[in-house]
Amino acid sequence: MIMTVKQAARKTGRPAKVPGDKSTKEKIFDAAIELFAERGYDGVSVRDIARAVGLTEGAVYKHFASKDEILDSIFAYVEGRIYPQAREDVPSGTLEGGLDAMVEALSLEEILASVPKFMLADQNLARITRIMLIELYHNEKIGDYFRRELMERPIDETEVLFTKLLERGKIRPCDPRAVATMFISYMVSWYFQTFILNYGRQDFDRIERETVAQIRLFAEMFKPDGERSS
């Protein structure tokens, strides 16, 4: 099934894209992310966001009922980017049948490599991570979301992926939970190094080379015995 632009926007939390210039709602969304990343969520008002976009507060409220609703849309956007089955920008046909279709269509290396690939293509994720870190211990809602959706859920979702790969004989016998924890631990370290510690001075060519090598090594470790390189 092909989603409409409107449906995709609801799915990811990001305002619908239009040909050419960004929509007003998308400009508000992007401006809020930039301001929250600079000053923290509590340090930014709806008036500040409106000024950044050249609007009145009333115009902002036509698109978002409150600043909290903007935050909810940011949460939904992150979810849509991190969890592949919720994304609208995957190649046609790849995920139309959900996780089962992805497991059937792609190799372990292709599945794992898709995660850092789309993260590198989305600089908003770095800004949003900064927001989360600034507000982690100041804003209970953001703190709960960070722990639940960015630390606990990735392991749960990846465990399901490895369980399906194991059932189809596409990886060697293993504990899916342990393997999921190992992979997500690597991704958390990779993400922190790439988007937080080295923010603004990333060497993306080097990052890509090193990431490909790490993913390839991880995939090789868990290939079925008959498929592993000698």
Protein backbone atom coordinates (compact mmCIF):
# COMPACT_ATOMS: atom_id res chain seq x y z
CA MET A 1 0.00 0.00 0.00
CA ILE A 2 1.36 3.44 -0.90
CA MET A 3 0.82 6.11 1.76
CA THR A 4 -0.29 9.57 0.80
CA VAL A 5 1.89 12.53 1.85
CA LYS A 6 -0.68 13.37 4.53
CA GLN A 7 -0.60 9.83 5.90
CA ALA A 8 3.19 9.80 5.93
CA ALA A 9 3.25 13.05 7.88
CA ARG A 10 0.97 11.57 10.54
CA LYS A 11 3.12 8.46 10.65
CA THR A 12 6.40 10.23 11.39
CA GLY A 13 5.15 13.33 13.16
CA ARG A 14 6.88 15.59 10.64
CA PRO A 15 4.76 18.07 8.68
CA ALA A 16 3.84 17.09 5.13
CA LYS A 17 6.39 18.02 2.48
CA VAL A 18 5.35 20.08 -0.51
CA PRO A 19 7.12 20.64 -3.82
CA GLY A 20 9.60 23.50 -3.67
CA ASP A 21 9.64 25.54 -0.49
CA LYS A 22 8.89 23.98 2.88
CA SER A 23 5.41 24.33 4.27
CA THR A 24 4.81 26.75 7.14
CA LYS A 25 4.24 23.87 9.53
CA GLU A 26 7.54 22.29 8.55
CA LYS A 27 9.37 25.61 9.01
CA ILE A 28 7.89 25.91 12.51
CA PHE A 29 8.93 22.34 13.27
CA ASP A 30 12.53 22.88 12.08
CA ALA A 31 12.85 26.22 13.88
CA ALA A 32 11.62 24.67 17.13
CA ILE A 33 14.21 21.90 16.89
CA GLU A 34 17.02 24.40 16.32
CA LEU A 35 15.92 26.64 19.20
CA PHE A 36 15.32 23.75 21.62
CA ALA A 37 18.80 22.40 20.77
CA GLU A 38 20.39 25.80 21.45
CA ARG A 39 18.50 26.86 24.60
CA GLY A 40 16.70 23.78 25.88
CA TYR A 41 12.97 23.13 25.76
CA ASP A 42 12.12 25.27 28.79
CA GLY A 43 14.25 28.14 27.50
CA VAL A 44 12.17 28.63 24.35
CA SER A 45 8.67 30.12 24.08
CA VAL A 46 6.13 29.87 21.28
CA ARG A 47 6.86 33.57 20.68
CA ASP A 48 10.55 32.74 20.12
CA ILE A 49 9.61 30.08 17.59
CA ALA A 50 7.23 32.43 15.83
CA ARG A 51 9.90 35.13 15.55
CA ALA A 52 12.41 32.65 14.12
CA VAL A 53 9.99 31.84 11.31
CA GLY A 54 8.72 35.40 10.86
CA LEU A 55 5.22 34.64 12.11
CA THR A 56 2.90 35.77 14.87
CA GLU A 57 2.19 33.50 17.82
CA GLY A 58 -1.36 33.12 16.52
CA ALA A 59 -0.04 31.78 13.22
CA VAL A 60 2.00 29.14 15.07
CA TYR A 61 -1.08 28.05 17.02
CA LYS A 62 -2.90 27.41 13.74
CA HIS A 63 -0.47 24.54 13.16
CA PHE A 64 0.35 23.41 16.71
CA ALA A 65 -2.02 23.76 19.66
CA SER A 66 0.86 24.23 22.12
CA LYS A 67 4.61 23.98 22.58
CA ASP A 68 3.98 20.56 24.11
CA GLU A 69 2.34 19.45 20.87
CA ILE A 70 5.47 20.49 18.99
CA LEU A 71 7.48 18.31 21.39
CA ASP A 72 5.10 15.40 20.74
CA SER A 73 5.62 15.85 17.00
CA ILE A 74 9.39 15.72 17.56
CA PHE A 75 8.99 12.46 19.49
CA ALA A 76 6.89 11.01 16.68
CA TYR A 77 9.46 12.14 14.11
CA VAL A 78 12.29 10.39 15.98
CA GLU A 79 10.23 7.21 16.22
CA GLY A 80 9.54 7.28 12.50
CA ARG A 81 13.24 7.68 11.72
CA ILE A 82 14.65 5.12 14.13
CA TYR A 83 12.21 2.26 13.59
CA PRO A 84 12.37 1.18 9.92
CA GLN A 85 8.83 -0.19 9.71
CA ALA A 86 7.52 3.28 10.63
CA ARG A 87 9.51 5.16 7.98
CA GLU A 88 8.09 6.49 4.73
CA ASP A 89 11.39 6.94 2.87
CA VAL A 90 12.42 3.30 2.43
CA PRO A 91 12.84 1.90 -1.09
CA SER A 92 9.56 0.91 -2.72
CA GLY A 93 8.61 -2.67 -1.96
CA THR A 94 11.27 -3.23 0.71
CA LEU A 95 9.10 -2.90 3.81
CA GLU A 96 5.59 -3.02 2.42
CA GLY A 97 5.02 -6.31 4.20
CA GLY A 98 6.60 -5.09 7.42
CA LEU A 99 9.51 -6.68 9.25
CA ASP A 100 8.88 -10.12 7.75
CA ALA A 101 9.26 -8.75 4.22
CA MET A 102 12.49 -6.96 5.16
CA VAL A 103 13.96 -10.14 6.65
CA GLU A 104 13.08 -12.07 3.49
CA ALA A 105 14.34 -9.44 1.06
CA LEU A 106 17.59 -8.26 2.65
CA SER A 107 20.75 -9.82 4.01
CA LEU A 108 21.78 -9.28 7.63
CA GLU A 109 24.49 -6.84 6.52
CA GLU A 110 22.04 -4.83 4.40
CA ILE A 111 19.54 -4.61 7.27
CA LEU A 112 22.13 -3.49 9.81
CA ALA A 113 23.82 -1.05 7.41
CA SER A 114 20.52 0.73 6.76
CA VAL A 115 20.44 2.04 10.34
CA PRO A 116 23.52 4.32 10.36
CA LYS A 117 22.95 5.19 6.68
CA PHE A 118 19.65 6.98 7.22
CA MET A 119 20.88 8.52 10.48
CA LEU A 120 23.80 10.13 8.66
CA ALA A 121 21.36 11.56 6.14
CA ASP A 122 19.24 13.28 8.81
CA GLN A 123 20.97 16.09 10.70
CA ASN A 124 17.79 16.82 12.68
CA LEU A 125 18.49 13.68 14.69
CA ALA A 126 21.70 15.23 16.05
CA ARG A 127 19.85 18.37 17.16
CA ILE A 128 17.05 16.33 18.72
CA THR A 129 19.56 14.19 20.61
CA ARG A 130 21.08 17.39 22.01
CA ILE A 131 17.59 18.46 23.17
CA MET A 132 17.13 15.11 24.90
CA LEU A 133 20.48 15.37 26.67
CA ILE A 134 19.91 18.96 27.79
CA GLU A 135 16.48 18.13 29.22
CA LEU A 136 17.10 14.56 30.41
CA TYR A 137 17.11 15.47 34.11
CA HIS A 138 15.04 18.65 33.91
CA ASN A 139 11.96 17.54 32.01
CA GLU A 140 10.28 14.34 33.22
CA LYS A 141 8.44 13.77 29.94
CA ILE A 142 11.63 14.01 27.88
CA GLY A 143 13.57 11.89 30.38
CA ASP A 144 10.96 9.14 30.28
CA TYR A 145 10.86 9.24 26.49
CA PHE A 146 14.65 9.08 26.23
CA ARG A 147 14.93 6.03 28.47
CA ARG A 148 11.93 4.23 27.00
CA GLU A 149 12.22 4.92 23.28
CA LEU A 150 15.94 5.49 22.76
CA MET A 151 17.47 3.04 25.24
CA GLU A 152 14.97 0.25 26.00
CA ARG A 153 12.81 -0.07 22.88
CA PRO A 154 15.72 -0.35 20.39
CA ILE A 155 16.88 -3.52 22.13
CA ASP A 156 13.34 -4.93 22.21
CA GLU A 157 12.77 -4.18 18.51
CA THR A 158 16.17 -5.53 17.48
CA GLU A 159 15.58 -8.70 19.49
CA VAL A 160 12.45 -9.30 17.40
CA LEU A 161 14.52 -8.77 14.23
CA PHE A 162 17.20 -11.27 15.28
CA THR A 163 14.58 -13.77 16.38
CA LYS A 164 13.02 -13.68 12.91
CA LEU A 165 16.44 -13.98 11.26
CA LEU A 166 17.20 -16.97 13.49
CA GLU A 167 13.88 -18.67 12.65
CA ARG A 168 14.64 -18.32 8.93
CA GLY A 169 18.15 -19.70 9.29
CA LYS A 170 19.74 -16.42 8.20
CA ILE A 171 21.98 -16.18 11.27
CA ARG A 172 23.82 -18.80 13.31
CA PRO A 173 22.25 -20.13 16.56
CA CYS A 174 22.50 -17.47 19.25
CA ASP A 175 20.62 -15.67 22.01
CA PRO A 176 18.67 -12.98 20.08
CA ARG A 177 18.42 -10.73 23.15
CA ALA A 178 22.15 -10.84 23.79
CA VAL A 179 22.95 -10.13 20.13
CA ALA A 180 20.44 -7.27 20.03
CA THR A 181 22.00 -5.75 23.16
CA MET A 182 25.46 -6.04 21.61
CA PHE A 183 24.42 -4.34 18.36
CA ILE A 184 22.48 -1.53 20.04
CA SER A 185 25.39 -0.91 22.42
CA TYR A 186 27.59 -0.40 19.37
CA MET A 187 25.01 1.88 17.73
CA VAL A 188 24.67 4.01 20.88
CA SER A 189 28.44 4.44 21.02
CA TRP A 190 28.58 5.17 17.27
CA TYR A 191 25.77 7.69 17.51
CA PHE A 192 27.27 9.49 20.48
CA GLN A 193 30.69 9.72 18.83
CA THR A 194 29.25 10.86 15.50
CA PHE A 195 26.58 13.35 16.51
CA ILE A 196 27.50 14.52 20.01
CA LEU A 197 31.24 14.38 20.71
CA ASN A 198 32.23 15.31 17.14
CA TYR A 199 29.23 17.49 16.30
CA GLY A 200 30.11 20.06 13.63
CA ARG A 201 33.47 18.51 12.74
CA GLN A 202 32.56 15.09 11.42
CA ASP A 203 34.60 13.47 8.66
CA PHE A 204 31.72 11.70 6.97
CA ASP A 205 33.89 9.79 4.50
CA ARG A 206 35.90 8.29 7.35
CA ILE A 207 32.75 7.61 9.37
CA GLU A 208 31.21 5.75 6.44
CA ARG A 209 34.33 3.62 5.87
CA GLU A 210 34.64 2.68 9.52
CA THR A 211 30.92 2.00 9.89
CA VAL A 212 30.84 -0.29 6.84
CA ALA A 213 33.79 -2.24 8.26
CA GLN A 214 32.15 -2.63 11.68
CA ILE A 215 28.78 -3.68 10.25
CA ARG A 216 30.46 -6.16 7.92
CA LEU A 217 32.39 -7.68 10.83
CA PHE A 218 29.24 -7.94 12.95
CA ALA A 219 27.28 -9.56 10.10
CA GLU A 220 30.14 -12.01 9.41
CA MET A 221 30.20 -13.09 13.06
CA PHE A 222 26.54 -14.15 12.94
CA LYS A 223 26.26 -15.69 9.50
CA PRO A 224 25.29 -19.38 9.44
CA ASP A 225 28.42 -21.56 9.63
CA GLY A 226 28.17 -22.62 5.98
CA GLU A 227 28.14 -19.00 4.78
CA ARG A 228 30.98 -17.60 6.86
CA SER A 229 34.23 -16.59 5.18
CA SER A 230 37.10 -18.93 5.80
